[in-house]
Amino acid sequence: MLQPHFGGTSRRMIEQARRFSAPWRIIELEEAFRIEDAASAPLAYVYFSDDTERRAITGYMSREEAQRIAANIAALPDLRAALREKDEAA
């Protein structure tokens, strides 16, 4: 079986856990919500359209749906912390 080979720097990057500092925030753009970490690194984009015909063609969500999804993504660090506290208490 072939194993992928990574150079020194690439391998170190893979072995290190990625950290995205909390709090995460939502930035509203013209047709998307961008979720950023505390260092302003973009983590995700959730696209929307107010035009119903465009939504039907592109599969974009309405603004309200996209905002709800973006809010759920931005809440992930808090959820993770709550789950960690629950596990430590058990």
N, C-alpha and C. Protein backbone atom coordinates (compact mmCIF):
# COMPACT_ATOMS: atom_id res chain seq x y z
N MET A 1 0.84 -1.17 0.00
CA MET A 1 0.00 0.00 0.00
C MET A 1 0.89 1.24 0.00
N LEU A 2 0.58 2.21 -0.83
CA LEU A 2 1.36 3.43 -0.91
C LEU A 2 0.98 4.36 0.23
N GLN A 3 1.97 4.93 0.84
CA GLN A 3 1.75 5.91 1.90
C GLN A 3 2.13 7.28 1.38
N PRO A 4 1.32 8.31 1.66
CA PRO A 4 1.69 9.65 1.21
C PRO A 4 2.95 10.11 1.90
N HIS A 5 3.77 10.83 1.18
CA HIS A 5 5.01 11.36 1.75
C HIS A 5 4.89 12.87 1.86
N PHE A 6 5.21 13.38 3.01
CA PHE A 6 5.16 14.81 3.24
C PHE A 6 6.55 15.29 3.61
N GLY A 7 6.90 16.48 3.13
CA GLY A 7 8.17 17.09 3.51
C GLY A 7 8.14 17.53 4.95
N GLY A 8 9.27 17.98 5.47
CA GLY A 8 9.39 18.35 6.88
C GLY A 8 8.36 19.36 7.34
N THR A 9 8.26 20.49 6.65
CA THR A 9 7.34 21.53 7.08
C THR A 9 5.89 21.08 6.97
N SER A 10 5.54 20.44 5.88
CA SER A 10 4.16 19.99 5.69
C SER A 10 3.76 18.98 6.76
N ARG A 11 4.67 18.07 7.09
CA ARG A 11 4.35 17.06 8.09
C ARG A 11 4.14 17.71 9.46
N ARG A 12 4.99 18.68 9.80
CA ARG A 12 4.81 19.36 11.08
C ARG A 12 3.48 20.08 11.14
N MET A 13 3.07 20.69 10.04
CA MET A 13 1.79 21.40 10.02
C MET A 13 0.63 20.43 10.22
N ILE A 14 0.72 19.24 9.65
CA ILE A 14 -0.34 18.26 9.78
C ILE A 14 -0.40 17.74 11.22
N GLU A 15 0.76 17.55 11.84
CA GLU A 15 0.80 17.00 13.19
C GLU A 15 0.31 18.00 14.23
N GLN A 16 0.44 19.29 13.96
CA GLN A 16 0.00 20.30 14.91
C GLN A 16 -1.51 20.47 14.81
N ALA A 17 -2.16 20.57 15.96
CA ALA A 17 -3.60 20.80 15.95
C ALA A 17 -3.85 22.26 15.57
N ARG A 18 -4.86 22.45 14.74
CA ARG A 18 -5.21 23.82 14.37
C ARG A 18 -5.99 24.44 15.50
N ARG A 19 -5.71 25.68 15.74
CA ARG A 19 -6.40 26.43 16.79
C ARG A 19 -6.99 27.69 16.18
N PHE A 20 -8.26 27.88 16.38
CA PHE A 20 -8.93 29.09 15.95
C PHE A 20 -9.46 29.75 17.21
N SER A 21 -8.85 30.86 17.58
CA SER A 21 -9.14 31.47 18.87
C SER A 21 -10.57 32.03 18.92
N ALA A 22 -11.19 31.81 20.06
CA ALA A 22 -12.53 32.33 20.31
C ALA A 22 -12.40 33.76 20.81
N PRO A 23 -13.38 34.57 20.72
CA PRO A 23 -14.71 34.27 20.18
C PRO A 23 -14.73 34.35 18.66
N TRP A 24 -15.63 33.58 18.08
CA TRP A 24 -15.85 33.67 16.63
C TRP A 24 -16.95 34.69 16.41
N ARG A 25 -16.83 35.43 15.33
CA ARG A 25 -17.83 36.46 15.06
C ARG A 25 -18.31 36.37 13.62
N ILE A 26 -19.47 36.96 13.40
CA ILE A 26 -20.09 36.97 12.08
C ILE A 26 -19.94 38.35 11.47
N ILE A 27 -19.44 38.39 10.25
CA ILE A 27 -19.32 39.63 9.50
C ILE A 27 -20.26 39.53 8.31
N GLU A 28 -21.18 40.49 8.18
CA GLU A 28 -22.10 40.45 7.05
C GLU A 28 -21.48 41.14 5.85
N LEU A 29 -21.44 40.44 4.74
CA LEU A 29 -20.97 40.98 3.47
C LEU A 29 -22.19 41.22 2.57
N GLU A 30 -21.95 41.60 1.33
CA GLU A 30 -23.07 41.92 0.44
C GLU A 30 -24.00 40.73 0.22
N GLU A 31 -23.45 39.54 -0.03
CA GLU A 31 -24.29 38.37 -0.26
C GLU A 31 -23.77 37.14 0.49
N ALA A 32 -23.14 37.38 1.64
CA ALA A 32 -22.61 36.26 2.42
C ALA A 32 -22.37 36.71 3.85
N PHE A 33 -22.31 35.74 4.73
CA PHE A 33 -21.84 35.97 6.09
C PHE A 33 -20.49 35.27 6.20
N ARG A 34 -19.50 35.98 6.73
CA ARG A 34 -18.17 35.40 6.94
C ARG A 34 -18.02 35.19 8.44
N ILE A 35 -17.60 33.99 8.83
CA ILE A 35 -17.33 33.68 10.22
C ILE A 35 -15.82 33.79 10.41
N GLU A 36 -15.41 34.62 11.38
CA GLU A 36 -13.99 34.85 11.64
C GLU A 36 -13.66 34.46 13.07
N ASP A 37 -12.39 34.09 13.30
CA ASP A 37 -11.95 33.87 14.67
C ASP A 37 -11.49 35.20 15.26
N ALA A 38 -10.99 35.17 16.48
CA ALA A 38 -10.60 36.40 17.17
C ALA A 38 -9.45 37.13 16.48
N ALA A 39 -8.67 36.42 15.69
CA ALA A 39 -7.55 37.02 14.96
C ALA A 39 -7.97 37.46 13.56
N SER A 40 -9.26 37.48 13.28
CA SER A 40 -9.83 37.89 11.99
C SER A 40 -9.52 36.92 10.85
N ALA A 41 -9.15 35.70 11.18
CA ALA A 41 -8.93 34.69 10.15
C ALA A 41 -10.29 34.16 9.70
N PRO A 42 -10.57 34.19 8.39
CA PRO A 42 -11.87 33.67 7.93
C PRO A 42 -11.95 32.16 8.10
N LEU A 43 -13.04 31.70 8.69
CA LEU A 43 -13.23 30.27 8.94
C LEU A 43 -14.25 29.66 8.00
N ALA A 44 -15.28 30.43 7.65
CA ALA A 44 -16.34 29.91 6.78
C ALA A 44 -17.10 31.06 6.16
N TYR A 45 -17.72 30.76 5.03
CA TYR A 45 -18.61 31.70 4.37
C TYR A 45 -19.95 31.01 4.19
N VAL A 46 -21.03 31.73 4.46
CA VAL A 46 -22.38 31.21 4.23
C VAL A 46 -23.05 32.21 3.28
N TYR A 47 -23.34 31.73 2.07
CA TYR A 47 -23.86 32.60 1.03
C TYR A 47 -25.38 32.64 1.03
N PHE A 48 -25.93 33.80 0.63
CA PHE A 48 -27.37 33.97 0.54
C PHE A 48 -27.70 34.87 -0.63
N SER A 49 -28.97 34.88 -0.98
CA SER A 49 -29.47 35.78 -2.01
C SER A 49 -30.90 36.17 -1.65
N ASP A 50 -31.23 37.42 -1.89
CA ASP A 50 -32.59 37.89 -1.67
C ASP A 50 -33.47 37.64 -2.90
N ASP A 51 -32.86 37.31 -4.02
CA ASP A 51 -33.57 37.07 -5.27
C ASP A 51 -34.02 35.60 -5.32
N THR A 52 -35.33 35.37 -5.32
CA THR A 52 -35.85 34.00 -5.29
C THR A 52 -35.47 33.20 -6.54
N GLU A 53 -35.43 33.84 -7.69
CA GLU A 53 -35.03 33.13 -8.92
C GLU A 53 -33.57 32.70 -8.83
N ARG A 54 -32.72 33.59 -8.35
CA ARG A 54 -31.29 33.24 -8.21
C ARG A 54 -31.11 32.11 -7.21
N ARG A 55 -31.87 32.14 -6.10
CA ARG A 55 -31.78 31.06 -5.10
C ARG A 55 -32.16 29.73 -5.72
N ALA A 56 -33.17 29.74 -6.58
CA ALA A 56 -33.60 28.50 -7.21
C ALA A 56 -32.52 27.94 -8.13
N ILE A 57 -31.78 28.82 -8.79
CA ILE A 57 -30.74 28.39 -9.72
C ILE A 57 -29.46 27.98 -8.98
N THR A 58 -29.05 28.79 -8.02
CA THR A 58 -27.75 28.58 -7.36
C THR A 58 -27.83 27.69 -6.13
N GLY A 59 -29.01 27.55 -5.54
CA GLY A 59 -29.13 26.79 -4.31
C GLY A 59 -28.77 27.60 -3.08
N TYR A 60 -28.57 28.92 -3.25
CA TYR A 60 -28.28 29.78 -2.09
C TYR A 60 -29.48 29.80 -1.15
N MET A 61 -29.21 30.15 0.08
CA MET A 61 -30.26 30.26 1.09
C MET A 61 -30.79 31.69 1.11
N SER A 62 -31.90 31.85 1.82
CA SER A 62 -32.38 33.20 2.07
C SER A 62 -31.45 33.84 3.09
N ARG A 63 -31.51 35.15 3.24
CA ARG A 63 -30.66 35.85 4.20
C ARG A 63 -30.89 35.32 5.61
N GLU A 64 -32.15 35.09 5.98
CA GLU A 64 -32.49 34.62 7.32
C GLU A 64 -31.93 33.22 7.58
N GLU A 65 -32.05 32.34 6.59
CA GLU A 65 -31.51 30.98 6.74
C GLU A 65 -29.98 31.02 6.90
N ALA A 66 -29.34 31.82 6.06
CA ALA A 66 -27.88 31.92 6.11
C ALA A 66 -27.41 32.51 7.43
N GLN A 67 -28.15 33.49 7.94
CA GLN A 67 -27.78 34.10 9.22
C GLN A 67 -27.89 33.08 10.35
N ARG A 68 -28.92 32.26 10.31
CA ARG A 68 -29.11 31.22 11.34
C ARG A 68 -27.96 30.20 11.29
N ILE A 69 -27.56 29.77 10.08
CA ILE A 69 -26.45 28.83 9.94
C ILE A 69 -25.16 29.46 10.43
N ALA A 70 -24.91 30.72 10.04
CA ALA A 70 -23.70 31.42 10.47
C ALA A 70 -23.65 31.54 11.99
N ALA A 71 -24.78 31.84 12.61
CA ALA A 71 -24.82 31.95 14.07
C ALA A 71 -24.50 30.61 14.73
N ASN A 72 -24.99 29.52 14.16
CA ASN A 72 -24.69 28.20 14.71
C ASN A 72 -23.21 27.86 14.57
N ILE A 73 -22.61 28.22 13.46
CA ILE A 73 -21.17 27.98 13.28
C ILE A 73 -20.38 28.80 14.29
N ALA A 74 -20.74 30.07 14.44
CA ALA A 74 -20.02 30.96 15.35
C ALA A 74 -20.14 30.51 16.81
N ALA A 75 -21.19 29.76 17.13
CA ALA A 75 -21.39 29.28 18.50
C ALA A 75 -20.61 28.01 18.82
N LEU A 76 -19.94 27.41 17.86
CA LEU A 76 -19.25 26.14 18.08
C LEU A 76 -18.20 26.18 19.20
N PRO A 77 -17.37 27.24 19.33
CA PRO A 77 -16.41 27.22 20.44
C PRO A 77 -17.10 27.16 21.81
N ASP A 78 -18.22 27.86 21.96
CA ASP A 78 -18.94 27.83 23.23
C ASP A 78 -19.53 26.44 23.48
N LEU A 79 -20.06 25.82 22.45
CA LEU A 79 -20.60 24.47 22.58
C LEU A 79 -19.51 23.48 22.95
N ARG A 80 -18.37 23.61 22.31
CA ARG A 80 -17.26 22.71 22.61
C ARG A 80 -16.80 22.86 24.06
N ALA A 81 -16.73 24.10 24.54
CA ALA A 81 -16.33 24.35 25.93
C ALA A 81 -17.35 23.76 26.90
N ALA A 82 -18.64 23.90 26.59
CA ALA A 82 -19.68 23.35 27.46
C ALA A 82 -19.60 21.83 27.50
N LEU A 83 -19.37 21.21 26.36
CA LEU A 83 -19.24 19.75 26.33
C LEU A 83 -18.01 19.28 27.11
N ARG A 84 -16.92 20.03 27.00
CA ARG A 84 -15.70 19.68 27.74
C ARG A 84 -15.96 19.77 29.25
N GLU A 85 -16.66 20.82 29.69
CA GLU A 85 -16.98 20.98 31.12
C GLU A 85 -17.87 19.84 31.59
N LYS A 86 -18.82 19.44 30.76
CA LYS A 86 -19.74 18.35 31.12
C LYS A 86 -18.96 17.04 31.27
N ASP A 87 -18.03 16.77 30.36
CA ASP A 87 -17.22 15.55 30.43
C ASP A 87 -16.33 15.54 31.66
N GLU A 88 -15.77 16.71 32.01
CA GLU A 88 -14.90 16.78 33.19
C GLU A 88 -15.69 16.60 34.48
N ALA A 89 -16.95 17.02 34.49
CA ALA A 89 -17.78 16.88 35.68
C ALA A 89 -18.25 15.44 35.87
N ALA A 90 -18.30 14.69 34.81
CA ALA A 90 -18.79 13.31 34.90
C ALA A 90 -17.77 12.36 35.46
